[in-house]
Amino acid sequence: MEEKLFRKYIILWLSQSISGLGSFMTGFALILWAYGQSRSAMSVSLMSFCNYVPGYAVL
């Protein structure tokens, strides 16, 4: 029984880790895209702010 729960926990942990990595890569790509479109540090700052604030708003 305990081994089954541990296996489920590992699967959940791995899937959350992959999801977090994908979210990070998407945010990074959006920042690069914003800079490529505007060549402006202000747009990169705003994109970074808008990308990371929703994750911390829950705290």
C-alpha atoms as a PDB file:
ATOM      1  CA  MET A   1       0.000   0.000   0.000  1.00  0.00           C
ATOM      2  CA  GLU A   2       2.725   2.454   0.992  1.00  0.00           C
ATOM      3  CA  GLU A   3       4.730   1.663  -2.147  1.00  0.00           C
ATOM      4  CA  LYS A   4       1.678   2.454  -4.301  1.00  0.00           C
ATOM      5  CA  LEU A   5       1.251   5.846  -2.630  1.00  0.00           C
ATOM      6  CA  PHE A   6       4.935   6.631  -3.071  1.00  0.00           C
ATOM      7  CA  ARG A   7       4.709   5.753  -6.773  1.00  0.00           C
ATOM      8  CA  LYS A   8       1.708   8.064  -7.188  1.00  0.00           C
ATOM      9  CA  TYR A   9       3.595  10.832  -5.379  1.00  0.00           C
ATOM     10  CA  ILE A  10       6.628  10.433  -7.681  1.00  0.00           C
ATOM     11  CA  ILE A  11       4.405  10.559 -10.768  1.00  0.00           C
ATOM     12  CA  LEU A  12       2.698  13.705  -9.461  1.00  0.00           C
ATOM     13  CA  TRP A  13       6.047  15.316  -8.605  1.00  0.00           C
ATOM     14  CA  LEU A  14       7.525  14.532 -12.029  1.00  0.00           C
ATOM     15  CA  SER A  15       4.491  15.838 -13.888  1.00  0.00           C
ATOM     16  CA  GLN A  16       4.496  19.058 -11.857  1.00  0.00           C
ATOM     17  CA  SER A  17       8.219  19.497 -12.524  1.00  0.00           C
ATOM     18  CA  ILE A  18       7.714  19.084 -16.270  1.00  0.00           C
ATOM     19  CA  SER A  19       4.786  21.509 -16.180  1.00  0.00           C
ATOM     20  CA  GLY A  20       6.854  24.093 -14.302  1.00  0.00           C
ATOM     21  CA  LEU A  21       9.712  23.739 -16.768  1.00  0.00           C
ATOM     22  CA  GLY A  22       7.305  24.243 -19.677  1.00  0.00           C
ATOM     23  CA  SER A  23       5.830  27.344 -18.054  1.00  0.00           C
ATOM     24  CA  PHE A  24       9.300  28.775 -17.461  1.00  0.00           C
ATOM     25  CA  MET A  25      10.320  28.139 -21.073  1.00  0.00           C
ATOM     26  CA  THR A  26       7.125  29.800 -22.353  1.00  0.00           C
ATOM     27  CA  GLY A  27       7.729  32.858 -20.193  1.00  0.00           C
ATOM     28  CA  PHE A  28      11.320  33.114 -21.369  1.00  0.00           C
ATOM     29  CA  ALA A  29      10.261  32.783 -25.014  1.00  0.00           C
ATOM     30  CA  LEU A  30       7.656  35.540 -24.553  1.00  0.00           C
ATOM     31  CA  ILE A  31      10.304  37.866 -23.148  1.00  0.00           C
ATOM     32  CA  LEU A  32      12.587  37.178 -26.114  1.00  0.00           C
ATOM     33  CA  TRP A  33       9.680  37.713 -28.506  1.00  0.00           C
ATOM     34  CA  ALA A  34       8.755  41.041 -26.864  1.00  0.00           C
ATOM     35  CA  TYR A  35      12.323  42.266 -27.230  1.00  0.00           C
ATOM     36  CA  GLY A  36      12.505  41.092 -30.829  1.00  0.00           C
ATOM     37  CA  GLN A  37       9.295  42.912 -31.723  1.00  0.00           C
ATOM     38  CA  SER A  38       9.970  46.224 -30.014  1.00  0.00           C
ATOM     39  CA  ARG A  39      13.702  46.432 -29.161  1.00  0.00           C
ATOM     40  CA  SER A  40      12.582  48.167 -25.980  1.00  0.00           C
ATOM     41  CA  ALA A  41      13.680  47.414 -22.428  1.00  0.00           C
ATOM     42  CA  MET A  42      10.355  48.769 -21.169  1.00  0.00           C
ATOM     43  CA  SER A  43       8.349  46.158 -23.093  1.00  0.00           C
ATOM     44  CA  VAL A  44      10.614  43.400 -21.784  1.00  0.00           C
ATOM     45  CA  SER A  45      10.120  44.676 -18.239  1.00  0.00           C
ATOM     46  CA  LEU A  46       6.351  44.798 -18.646  1.00  0.00           C
ATOM     47  CA  MET A  47       6.283  41.326 -20.193  1.00  0.00           C
ATOM     48  CA  SER A  48       8.350  39.962 -17.308  1.00  0.00           C
ATOM     49  CA  PHE A  49       6.116  41.657 -14.779  1.00  0.00           C
ATOM     50  CA  CYS A  50       2.904  40.395 -16.382  1.00  0.00           C
ATOM     51  CA  ASN A  51       4.343  36.910 -16.738  1.00  0.00           C
ATOM     52  CA  TYR A  52       5.474  36.414 -13.134  1.00  0.00           C
ATOM     53  CA  VAL A  53       2.964  38.420 -11.070  1.00  0.00           C
ATOM     54  CA  PRO A  54       0.018  35.984 -11.402  1.00  0.00           C
ATOM     55  CA  GLY A  55       2.120  33.232  -9.864  1.00  0.00           C
ATOM     56  CA  TYR A  56       2.876  35.334  -6.816  1.00  0.00           C
ATOM     57  CA  ALA A  57      -0.536  36.986  -6.468  1.00  0.00           C
ATOM     58  CA  VAL A  58      -1.864  33.885  -4.721  1.00  0.00           C
ATOM     59  CA  LEU A  59       0.610  34.239  -1.880  1.00  0.00           C
END
